[in-house]
Amino acid sequence: MRSPMDLFVRRPETAIARNKRDKLRQQNIKEACNKKAVRRVHRYIARWFYQARIPSIPVKLKNFQDMLWAVGSFGPNLFALRYHTLRIPLLNEELEYTKELLKGHKE
């Protein structure tokens, strides 16, 4: 069920598909002028990796880019993920998703 507020929030899947399709494109004026802002955001991401002691290898994963696109397409009002939500409901959802992926291979 969609509400009127859904008109103001973009779906991450749509944004990800559009960005993949437009992979080879010319840099726009906003990107060219915001090099300092991009550098600042990259520093925050790097600082998070360093403080969490996460190796830099996850940056090479396709899902890392998908995560950034999803967060960016949601906008500035995305609240932080809670520890409990990450550990229980989202982990269970990912487990069910993985089981669905494996169903075809098991048959």
Protein backbone atom coordinates (compact mmCIF):
# COMPACT_ATOMS: atom_id res chain seq x y z
CA MET A 1 0.00 0.00 0.00
CA ARG A 2 1.42 3.35 -1.01
CA SER A 3 0.90 6.58 0.88
CA PRO A 4 1.21 10.21 -0.30
CA MET A 5 4.64 10.37 1.32
CA ASP A 6 5.90 7.74 -1.15
CA LEU A 7 5.81 10.41 -3.85
CA PHE A 8 8.73 12.14 -2.14
CA VAL A 9 10.93 9.06 -1.61
CA ARG A 10 12.67 7.39 -4.51
CA ARG A 11 12.89 3.61 -4.59
CA PRO A 12 16.52 2.45 -4.21
CA GLU A 13 16.05 -0.35 -6.77
CA THR A 14 14.96 2.16 -9.42
CA ALA A 15 17.89 4.47 -8.70
CA ILE A 16 20.37 1.57 -8.76
CA ALA A 17 19.05 0.28 -12.09
CA ARG A 18 19.14 3.78 -13.59
CA ASN A 19 22.72 4.38 -12.39
CA LYS A 20 23.87 1.04 -13.80
CA ARG A 21 22.28 1.84 -17.14
CA ASP A 22 23.90 5.29 -17.27
CA LYS A 23 27.35 4.01 -16.35
CA LEU A 24 29.11 5.68 -19.28
CA ARG A 25 28.07 9.30 -19.13
CA GLN A 26 29.62 12.73 -19.17
CA GLN A 27 30.38 14.37 -15.84
CA ASN A 28 27.78 17.03 -15.04
CA ILE A 29 28.48 20.51 -13.67
CA LYS A 30 27.38 19.59 -10.16
CA GLU A 31 29.88 16.73 -9.99
CA ALA A 32 32.65 18.90 -11.41
CA CYS A 33 32.06 21.68 -8.84
CA ASN A 34 31.57 19.40 -5.84
CA LYS A 35 34.98 17.71 -5.78
CA LYS A 36 35.61 19.01 -2.26
CA ALA A 37 32.23 17.71 -1.08
CA VAL A 38 32.88 14.28 -2.64
CA ARG A 39 36.30 14.20 -1.00
CA ARG A 40 34.73 15.04 2.38
CA VAL A 41 32.15 12.24 2.04
CA HIS A 42 34.86 9.78 1.03
CA ARG A 43 36.84 10.80 4.14
CA TYR A 44 33.81 10.03 6.35
CA ILE A 45 33.42 6.62 4.71
CA ALA A 46 37.14 5.89 5.09
CA ARG A 47 37.12 7.03 8.71
CA TRP A 48 34.22 4.66 9.42
CA PHE A 49 36.16 1.76 7.89
CA TYR A 50 39.26 2.65 9.93
CA GLN A 51 37.40 3.02 13.24
CA ALA A 52 35.47 -0.22 12.74
CA ARG A 53 38.74 -1.94 11.76
CA ILE A 54 37.16 -3.26 8.58
CA PRO A 55 39.61 -4.17 5.81
CA SER A 56 39.27 -2.18 2.59
CA ILE A 57 38.33 -5.24 0.50
CA PRO A 58 34.52 -4.77 0.93
CA VAL A 59 34.81 -1.57 -1.14
CA LYS A 60 35.38 -3.81 -4.20
CA LEU A 61 32.05 -5.62 -3.69
CA LYS A 62 29.12 -4.81 -5.96
CA ASN A 63 26.86 -4.59 -2.90
CA PHE A 64 28.94 -1.75 -1.46
CA GLN A 65 28.12 0.46 -4.47
CA ASP A 66 24.48 -0.67 -4.30
CA MET A 67 24.38 0.36 -0.63
CA LEU A 68 25.76 3.81 -1.42
CA TRP A 69 23.23 4.32 -4.22
CA ALA A 70 20.38 3.20 -1.96
CA VAL A 71 21.44 5.56 0.84
CA GLY A 72 21.95 8.42 -1.61
CA SER A 73 18.61 7.90 -3.32
CA PHE A 74 16.78 7.85 0.03
CA GLY A 75 18.03 11.30 0.92
CA PRO A 76 19.27 13.09 4.02
CA ASN A 77 16.60 11.85 6.45
CA LEU A 78 17.69 8.23 6.67
CA PHE A 79 18.04 7.28 10.32
CA ALA A 80 20.92 5.14 11.55
CA LEU A 81 20.51 1.39 11.63
CA ARG A 82 20.07 -0.02 15.13
CA TYR A 83 22.20 -2.86 16.41
CA HIS A 84 19.19 -5.07 17.24
CA THR A 85 17.63 -4.50 13.81
CA LEU A 86 20.86 -5.53 12.10
CA ARG A 87 21.35 -8.60 14.28
CA ILE A 88 17.87 -10.13 14.27
CA PRO A 89 15.16 -9.05 11.78
CA LEU A 90 17.46 -8.06 8.91
CA LEU A 91 19.65 -11.12 9.40
CA ASN A 92 16.57 -13.34 9.32
CA GLU A 93 15.32 -11.63 6.14
CA GLU A 94 18.72 -12.15 4.48
CA LEU A 95 18.70 -15.79 5.55
CA GLU A 96 15.28 -16.30 3.94
CA TYR A 97 16.48 -14.50 0.79
CA THR A 98 19.53 -16.78 0.60
CA LYS A 99 17.38 -19.88 1.09
CA GLU A 100 15.16 -18.75 -1.82
CA LEU A 101 18.26 -18.31 -4.00
CA LEU A 102 19.47 -21.80 -3.12
CA LYS A 103 16.10 -23.47 -3.83
CA GLY A 104 16.75 -23.69 -7.57
CA HIS A 105 20.23 -25.13 -7.06
CA LYS A 106 19.02 -27.81 -4.66
CA GLU A 107 16.40 -29.05 -7.15
